[in-house]
Amino acid sequence: MKILMILENNFPPDVRVEKEIKSLITAGHEITLACSSPKSENCIMNWHNAKIIKKKMPDFIYKSSVICLRFPFYFNYWRRFLESIFNKYEFNAIHLHDLPLAKVAKELSVKHKIPFVLDLHENWADYMDIAAHTNTFLGKILVSSWQWHNYEIRMSNKADKIITVVEEMKDRIVCLGIDPKKIYILPNTVCLEDQQLLVHTKSSTKFTLFYGGGINIHRGLQIVLKAINYIKKDIPELVFQIAGEGSHKKVLQDYVDINELNGQVKFLGWKKYDEMMKILLESDIAIIPHLRSVQTDNSSPNKLYLYAYQKKPILASDCISIKRILADLDCGLTYSSQNYVELGENIIKLYNDHESCERMGQAGYEAVVREYNWEISSKVLVELYKELEGYE
């Protein structure tokens, strides 16, 4: 099939989209990806035998995306961009990454009589409930939570196929009244072909925690800092390495300064993948401290499977899906979200039990190699498109 993918961002990089493209091309499909953002350049490029059509987006249009359900500027921009692509190429399916452009994608699928696949990386409507920019005074006026939830239901009903990242996310969508037969689960597992199990002898005597990713209030890093402050006398050699950037970083830095934690907490900034992996390998524990919400209760972070593959025991908050996956992999401990005392006690427990850390690290690695990898997960994606080949 000739598949048009739509991504509201620059590309590359996007780990999930990259894996999906490679899997579909290996299965014999032709992929064209249309992407646009202020960081994009106007060009057409080849990426692993996929055609990538990139367009630079004006800042005004980009900022209007959050209010696209009230004002059509963003939708109209994408309609023009995508129609210009359809004027040059033919497609047998539309594959949209995430919810916002579902209305435009469905219009094109009806007009060109081709199926529409809605690939939900996030619980977008629930994300809009907690996002910082929608909880400002102006954001609350312009962005309607009810409108986004209603939009999700309408568009999910209209999609021919829906992809989710985890079982809990599928269950949530089914509870909205969506036909479960058209929903497929494609987890954010690691591609073993792209991974390398890195053998590394730790050079530091410090007991090190690692976090890699965005820094906003919903990532829960403030709870980790409170836990470190609570146990700093119990583990004097404790260090917390944070690789990432985000809007909440200054607040965290102020907390570190006030509580004299500069010796325990290191802000490393954004790191390239290879640099991040070196930091991870120097660590004893990897941490996923997301605050619990409807969004995070139905999530499947890439980093979970990456940490497990690299034999790191994982400490995570008790977000429903993450807690279940950790139990399935038998590779970590969870604590009650926002309970820094319980988190601190779990850190002490792992610090005093090297044998359990080794066992969980090995168990996570073996589970990823055995079952929780992209080579197995992607069979769902390939099967979905086999079913669409007979679409009329």
Protein backbone atom coordinates (compact mmCIF):
# COMPACT_ATOMS: atom_id res chain seq x y z
CA MET A 1 0.00 0.00 0.00
CA LYS A 2 0.97 3.63 -0.52
CA ILE A 3 0.59 5.22 2.91
CA LEU A 4 0.58 8.94 3.70
CA MET A 5 1.74 9.55 7.27
CA ILE A 6 1.04 12.91 8.90
CA LEU A 7 3.20 14.25 11.74
CA GLU A 8 2.72 17.62 13.48
CA ASN A 9 6.41 18.04 14.13
CA ASN A 10 9.76 18.08 12.43
CA PHE A 11 11.24 14.74 11.40
CA PRO A 12 13.59 13.11 12.20
CA PRO A 13 13.90 12.45 15.10
CA ASP A 14 10.83 10.69 16.46
CA VAL A 15 11.62 7.22 17.77
CA ARG A 16 8.11 5.76 17.47
CA VAL A 17 7.48 7.16 13.98
CA GLU A 18 10.91 5.97 12.83
CA LYS A 19 10.20 2.42 13.99
CA GLU A 20 6.76 2.36 12.36
CA ILE A 21 8.12 3.61 9.03
CA LYS A 22 10.90 1.01 8.97
CA SER A 23 8.51 -1.82 9.85
CA LEU A 24 5.98 -0.89 7.19
CA ILE A 25 8.64 -0.49 4.50
CA THR A 26 10.08 -3.90 5.43
CA ALA A 27 6.55 -5.30 5.02
CA GLY A 28 6.45 -3.97 1.43
CA HIS A 29 4.55 -0.69 1.83
CA GLU A 30 5.50 2.70 0.39
CA ILE A 31 5.65 5.49 2.96
CA THR A 32 5.37 9.23 2.44
CA LEU A 33 5.56 11.35 5.60
CA ALA A 34 4.22 14.91 5.60
CA CYS A 35 5.56 16.97 8.48
CA SER A 36 5.53 20.64 9.35
CA SER A 37 6.69 22.85 12.22
CA PRO A 38 8.61 26.11 12.70
CA LYS A 39 11.79 23.98 12.87
CA SER A 40 11.11 22.28 9.52
CA GLU A 41 12.77 23.30 6.27
CA ASN A 42 10.98 23.37 2.92
CA CYS A 43 12.34 20.24 1.27
CA ILE A 44 11.73 16.66 0.17
CA MET A 45 14.19 14.07 1.46
CA ASN A 46 14.68 10.33 1.47
CA TRP A 47 14.85 8.66 4.85
CA HIS A 48 15.40 4.87 4.87
CA ASN A 49 13.47 4.63 1.57
CA ALA A 50 10.59 6.76 2.85
CA LYS A 51 9.74 10.08 1.18
CA ILE A 52 9.73 12.90 3.75
CA ILE A 53 7.94 16.09 2.65
CA LYS A 54 8.80 18.93 5.03
CA LYS A 55 7.32 22.41 5.21
CA LYS A 56 8.31 25.30 7.45
CA MET A 57 5.35 26.45 9.52
CA PRO A 58 4.84 30.10 10.49
CA ASP A 59 5.06 30.70 14.25
CA PHE A 60 1.54 32.15 14.35
CA ILE A 61 0.06 29.00 12.81
CA TYR A 62 2.04 26.80 15.19
CA LYS A 63 0.84 28.73 18.25
CA SER A 64 -2.76 28.56 17.02
CA SER A 65 -2.75 24.74 17.15
CA VAL A 66 -3.96 24.71 20.75
CA ILE A 67 -7.10 26.64 19.77
CA CYS A 68 -7.74 24.82 16.49
CA LEU A 69 -11.14 23.56 17.67
CA ARG A 70 -12.32 27.17 18.08
CA PHE A 71 -10.43 28.90 15.26
CA PRO A 72 -9.62 27.10 11.97
CA PHE A 73 -6.24 28.68 11.07
CA TYR A 74 -4.28 25.54 11.93
CA PHE A 75 -6.69 23.18 10.19
CA ASN A 76 -6.76 25.37 7.06
CA TYR A 77 -2.96 25.45 6.91
CA TRP A 78 -2.77 21.67 7.00
CA ARG A 79 -5.64 21.26 4.50
CA ARG A 80 -3.71 23.31 1.94
CA PHE A 81 -0.42 21.51 2.64
CA LEU A 82 -1.90 18.01 2.42
CA GLU A 83 -4.04 18.75 -0.64
CA SER A 84 -0.91 19.94 -2.45
CA ILE A 85 0.61 16.51 -1.72
CA PHE A 86 -2.50 14.65 -2.94
CA ASN A 87 -2.33 16.70 -6.16
CA LYS A 88 1.08 15.12 -6.87
CA TYR A 89 0.81 11.62 -5.42
CA GLU A 90 -1.72 8.86 -4.93
CA PHE A 91 -2.26 7.04 -1.65
CA ASN A 92 -4.15 3.99 -0.40
CA ALA A 93 -4.33 5.02 3.27
CA ILE A 94 -3.84 7.96 5.64
CA HIS A 95 -1.95 7.34 8.89
CA LEU A 96 -2.18 10.24 11.37
CA HIS A 97 0.14 10.48 14.36
CA ASP A 98 -1.88 11.82 17.33
CA LEU A 99 -5.32 13.37 17.64
CA PRO A 100 -5.37 17.08 16.69
CA LEU A 101 -5.49 16.77 12.87
CA ALA A 102 -8.03 13.92 12.89
CA LYS A 103 -10.72 16.15 11.40
CA VAL A 104 -8.52 17.06 8.42
CA ALA A 105 -7.31 13.48 7.94
CA LYS A 106 -10.89 12.18 7.95
CA GLU A 107 -11.95 14.77 5.37
CA LEU A 108 -9.15 13.63 3.07
CA SER A 109 -9.95 9.95 3.59
CA VAL A 110 -13.59 10.55 2.60
CA LYS A 111 -12.68 12.73 -0.38
CA HIS A 112 -10.13 10.25 -1.74
CA LYS A 113 -12.01 7.12 -0.60
CA ILE A 114 -9.15 5.65 1.40
CA PRO A 115 -9.00 4.36 5.02
CA PHE A 116 -7.98 6.53 7.94
CA VAL A 117 -5.69 5.15 10.69
CA LEU A 118 -5.58 7.18 13.91
CA ASP A 119 -2.33 6.50 15.80
CA LEU A 120 -2.74 7.82 19.35
CA HIS A 121 0.69 8.24 20.90
CA GLU A 122 -0.86 10.18 23.79
CA ASN A 123 -4.20 10.57 25.51
CA TRP A 124 -4.40 13.98 23.93
CA ALA A 125 -7.64 15.21 25.48
CA ASP A 126 -6.41 14.29 28.96
CA TYR A 127 -3.02 15.84 28.22
CA MET A 128 -4.80 19.10 27.42
CA ASP A 129 -6.35 18.99 30.89
CA ILE A 130 -2.95 19.08 32.61
CA ALA A 131 -0.71 20.95 30.12
CA ALA A 132 0.84 24.11 31.52
CA HIS A 133 -0.18 26.31 28.57
CA THR A 134 -3.86 25.33 28.85
CA ASN A 135 -3.96 26.07 32.57
CA THR A 136 -2.99 29.73 32.30
CA PHE A 137 -5.71 32.37 32.61
CA LEU A 138 -5.85 32.86 28.83
CA GLY A 139 -5.55 29.13 28.19
CA LYS A 140 -8.59 28.38 30.31
CA ILE A 141 -10.58 30.95 28.34
CA LEU A 142 -9.53 29.76 24.87
CA VAL A 143 -9.17 25.99 25.35
CA SER A 144 -12.22 23.94 26.26
CA SER A 145 -11.48 20.62 27.94
CA TRP A 146 -14.99 19.39 27.18
CA GLN A 147 -14.53 20.29 23.50
CA TRP A 148 -11.33 18.20 23.23
CA HIS A 149 -12.89 15.19 24.94
CA ASN A 150 -15.92 15.38 22.65
CA TYR A 151 -13.61 15.73 19.63
CA GLU A 152 -11.71 12.59 20.69
CA ILE A 153 -14.93 10.58 20.82
CA ARG A 154 -16.16 11.85 17.42
CA MET A 155 -12.85 11.27 15.66
CA SER A 156 -12.28 7.87 17.24
CA ASN A 157 -15.68 6.78 15.98
CA LYS A 158 -14.86 8.02 12.49
CA ALA A 159 -11.41 6.39 12.23
CA ASP A 160 -11.24 3.08 10.38
CA LYS A 161 -8.47 1.79 12.67
CA ILE A 162 -7.06 3.11 15.96
CA ILE A 163 -3.61 2.42 17.38
CA THR A 164 -2.91 2.83 21.11
CA VAL A 165 0.31 2.38 23.07
CA VAL A 166 -0.90 0.28 26.00
CA GLU A 167 -3.79 -1.94 27.12
CA GLU A 168 -5.09 0.61 29.62
CA MET A 169 -5.33 3.20 26.84
CA LYS A 170 -7.40 0.81 24.72
CA ASP A 171 -9.69 0.12 27.66
CA ARG A 172 -10.20 3.84 28.21
CA ILE A 173 -11.15 4.38 24.57
CA VAL A 174 -13.53 1.41 24.60
CA CYS A 175 -15.25 2.99 27.61
CA LEU A 176 -15.96 6.01 25.40
CA GLY A 177 -18.16 3.78 23.25
CA ILE A 178 -15.61 2.99 20.54
CA ASP A 179 -15.69 -0.42 18.82
CA PRO A 180 -12.89 -2.51 20.42
CA LYS A 181 -12.47 -4.56 17.23
CA LYS A 182 -10.84 -1.62 15.44
CA ILE A 183 -8.38 -0.79 18.24
CA TYR A 184 -4.83 -2.19 18.14
CA ILE A 185 -2.13 -2.03 20.84
CA LEU A 186 1.37 -1.10 19.65
CA PRO A 187 3.61 -0.53 22.70
CA ASN A 188 6.65 1.75 22.73
CA THR A 189 9.04 -1.20 22.98
CA VAL A 190 12.68 -1.01 21.90
CA CYS A 191 13.90 -2.27 18.57
CA LEU A 192 16.58 -4.85 19.36
CA GLU A 193 18.13 -4.38 15.93
CA ASP A 194 18.83 -0.74 16.81
CA GLN A 195 20.02 -1.44 20.35
CA GLN A 196 23.34 -2.53 21.70
CA LEU A 197 23.68 -4.00 25.16
CA LEU A 198 26.48 -1.87 26.48
CA VAL A 199 28.95 -3.53 28.82
CA HIS A 200 30.33 -0.94 31.17
CA THR A 201 32.37 -0.97 34.36
CA LYS A 202 31.19 1.78 36.67
CA SER A 203 33.94 4.25 37.46
CA SER A 204 32.22 6.16 40.28
CA THR A 205 31.69 5.00 43.86
CA LYS A 206 28.57 7.18 44.12
CA PHE A 207 25.10 5.60 44.34
CA THR A 208 23.49 7.20 41.31
CA LEU A 209 19.90 7.75 40.23
CA PHE A 210 19.18 8.67 36.61
CA TYR A 211 16.34 10.53 34.90
CA GLY A 212 16.27 11.37 31.19
CA GLY A 213 13.50 13.41 29.54
CA GLY A 214 11.48 16.59 29.75
CA ILE A 215 11.33 18.67 32.90
CA ASN A 216 7.84 19.89 33.70
CA ILE A 217 5.72 19.73 36.82
CA HIS A 218 3.89 16.59 35.66
CA ARG A 219 7.13 14.58 35.38
CA GLY A 220 7.28 14.51 39.16
CA LEU A 221 10.95 15.40 39.60
CA GLN A 222 10.04 17.64 42.53
CA ILE A 223 8.98 14.50 44.42
CA VAL A 224 12.38 12.92 43.76
CA LEU A 225 14.14 16.01 45.12
CA LYS A 226 12.00 15.90 48.27
CA ALA A 227 12.88 12.22 48.68
CA ILE A 228 16.60 12.98 48.31
CA ASN A 229 16.34 15.75 50.89
CA TYR A 230 14.56 13.30 53.21
CA ILE A 231 17.22 10.56 52.95
CA LYS A 232 20.40 12.54 52.31
CA LYS A 233 21.83 11.63 55.73
CA ASP A 234 21.11 7.92 55.14
CA ILE A 235 22.99 7.79 51.81
CA PRO A 236 25.69 10.51 51.85
CA GLU A 237 27.11 9.27 48.52
CA LEU A 238 23.74 9.58 46.70
CA VAL A 239 23.72 11.50 43.40
CA PHE A 240 20.74 12.24 41.13
CA GLN A 241 21.65 12.90 37.47
CA ILE A 242 18.96 14.75 35.43
CA ALA A 243 19.44 14.77 31.64
CA GLY A 244 16.87 17.08 30.07
CA GLU A 245 15.33 20.54 29.87
CA GLY A 246 11.92 22.01 30.51
CA SER A 247 9.72 24.72 31.99
CA HIS A 248 10.00 23.47 35.60
CA LYS A 249 13.79 23.37 35.74
CA LYS A 250 14.22 26.75 37.47
CA VAL A 251 11.80 25.76 40.24
CA LEU A 252 13.76 22.55 40.82
CA GLN A 253 17.08 24.40 40.82
CA ASP A 254 15.75 26.84 43.44
CA TYR A 255 14.67 23.91 45.63
CA VAL A 256 18.13 22.37 45.30
CA ASP A 257 19.79 25.66 46.28
CA ILE A 258 17.50 26.30 49.26
CA ASN A 259 17.96 22.78 50.63
CA GLU A 260 21.70 22.64 49.90
CA LEU A 261 21.44 19.65 47.58
CA ASN A 262 23.92 20.83 44.97
CA GLY A 263 26.25 17.96 45.90
CA GLN A 264 23.48 15.41 45.34
CA VAL A 265 21.58 16.78 42.32
CA LYS A 266 23.17 17.45 38.91
CA PHE A 267 21.30 19.17 36.06
CA LEU A 268 23.04 18.03 32.88
CA GLY A 269 20.83 19.66 30.22
CA TRP A 270 19.78 17.96 26.99
CA LYS A 271 22.12 15.18 25.92
CA LYS A 272 22.50 13.35 22.63
CA TYR A 273 21.46 9.70 22.75
CA ASP A 274 25.02 8.34 22.99
CA GLU A 275 25.89 10.78 25.78
CA MET A 276 22.70 9.92 27.65
CA MET A 277 23.47 6.22 27.42
CA LYS A 278 26.90 6.74 28.98
CA ILE A 279 25.27 8.58 31.90
CA LEU A 280 22.65 5.83 32.24
CA LEU A 281 25.34 3.15 32.37
CA GLU A 282 27.08 5.00 35.20
CA SER A 283 23.83 4.90 37.18
CA ASP A 284 22.55 2.35 39.66
CA ILE A 285 18.84 3.07 39.33
CA ALA A 286 16.69 4.62 36.59
CA ILE A 287 13.63 6.56 37.70
CA ILE A 288 10.24 7.38 36.09
CA PRO A 289 8.53 9.66 38.62
CA HIS A 290 5.50 10.87 36.61
CA LEU A 291 2.63 12.29 38.63
CA ARG A 292 -0.49 10.18 38.33
CA SER A 293 -3.25 11.48 36.04
CA VAL A 294 -5.60 10.00 33.45
CA GLN A 295 -2.84 10.72 30.94
CA THR A 296 -0.02 8.97 32.79
CA ASP A 297 -2.25 6.09 34.00
CA ASN A 298 -2.60 5.15 30.32
CA SER A 299 0.95 5.67 29.07
CA SER A 300 3.86 3.58 27.80
CA PRO A 301 7.16 5.52 28.00
CA ASN A 302 9.92 4.49 25.58
CA LYS A 303 12.44 4.86 28.39
CA LEU A 304 10.86 2.08 30.47
CA TYR A 305 11.83 -0.62 27.97
CA LEU A 306 15.18 1.05 27.25
CA TYR A 307 16.14 1.05 30.92
CA ALA A 308 15.04 -2.57 31.29
CA TYR A 309 17.09 -3.64 28.26
CA GLN A 310 20.18 -1.97 29.72
CA LYS A 311 19.70 -4.00 32.94
CA LYS A 312 18.80 -1.07 35.16
CA PRO A 313 16.38 -1.58 38.05
CA ILE A 314 13.58 0.96 37.74
CA LEU A 315 11.86 3.08 40.37
CA ALA A 316 8.53 4.47 39.18
CA SER A 317 5.41 6.13 40.53
CA ASP A 318 2.31 3.97 40.59
CA CYS A 319 0.77 5.11 37.30
CA ILE A 320 -1.51 2.19 36.44
CA SER A 321 0.01 1.10 33.13
CA ILE A 322 3.62 1.63 34.22
CA LYS A 323 3.05 -0.29 37.46
CA ARG A 324 1.57 -3.22 35.53
CA ILE A 325 4.41 -3.30 32.99
CA LEU A 326 7.07 -3.16 35.73
CA ALA A 327 5.36 -6.09 37.42
CA ASP A 328 5.24 -8.00 34.12
CA LEU A 329 8.94 -7.40 33.53
CA ASP A 330 9.77 -7.91 37.24
CA CYS A 331 12.37 -5.18 36.94
CA GLY A 332 11.59 -2.52 39.52
CA LEU A 333 9.66 -1.02 42.39
CA THR A 334 6.82 1.49 42.50
CA TYR A 335 5.78 4.07 45.08
CA SER A 336 2.57 6.02 45.63
CA SER A 337 2.61 9.07 43.39
CA GLN A 338 3.71 12.22 45.26
CA ASN A 339 4.70 10.19 48.37
CA TYR A 340 8.30 11.27 48.72
CA VAL A 341 8.76 9.37 51.99
CA GLU A 342 7.83 6.07 50.34
CA LEU A 343 10.08 6.89 47.40
CA GLY A 344 12.96 7.68 49.75
CA GLU A 345 12.49 4.41 51.59
CA ASN A 346 12.54 2.50 48.27
CA ILE A 347 15.82 4.20 47.34
CA ILE A 348 17.31 3.14 50.67
CA LYS A 349 15.98 -0.39 50.14
CA LEU A 350 17.73 -0.71 46.76
CA TYR A 351 20.89 0.91 48.10
CA ASN A 352 21.10 -1.80 50.77
CA ASP A 353 20.19 -4.69 48.47
CA HIS A 354 22.64 -4.97 45.60
CA GLU A 355 21.53 -8.54 44.93
CA SER A 356 17.92 -7.47 44.24
CA CYS A 357 19.15 -4.72 41.93
CA GLU A 358 21.15 -7.27 39.95
CA ARG A 359 18.19 -9.66 39.80
CA MET A 360 15.72 -6.99 38.62
CA GLY A 361 18.17 -5.69 36.04
CA GLN A 362 18.65 -9.16 34.58
CA ALA A 363 14.93 -9.94 34.69
CA GLY A 364 14.09 -6.75 32.79
CA TYR A 365 16.68 -7.47 30.14
CA GLU A 366 15.46 -11.03 29.62
CA ALA A 367 11.82 -9.91 29.40
CA VAL A 368 12.64 -7.35 26.70
CA VAL A 369 14.64 -9.88 24.67
CA ARG A 370 11.97 -12.53 25.10
CA GLU A 371 8.78 -10.55 24.52
CA TYR A 372 8.79 -6.79 25.04
CA ASN A 373 10.59 -5.71 21.88
CA TRP A 374 9.61 -3.99 18.63
CA GLU A 375 10.32 -7.05 16.51
CA ILE A 376 7.37 -8.73 18.23
CA SER A 377 5.21 -5.64 18.88
CA SER A 378 5.33 -4.42 15.27
CA LYS A 379 3.56 -7.56 14.01
CA VAL A 380 0.34 -5.84 15.12
CA LEU A 381 1.06 -2.89 12.82
CA VAL A 382 1.82 -5.12 9.85
CA GLU A 383 -1.35 -7.15 10.46
CA LEU A 384 -3.45 -3.96 10.65
CA TYR A 385 -2.37 -2.97 7.15
CA LYS A 386 -2.97 -6.45 5.81
CA GLU A 387 -6.56 -6.03 6.90
CA LEU A 388 -6.77 -2.65 5.15
CA GLU A 389 -5.58 -3.98 1.80
CA GLY A 390 -9.11 -5.10 1.02
CA TYR A 391 -10.67 -1.75 2.02
CA GLU A 392 -13.41 -0.41 -0.24
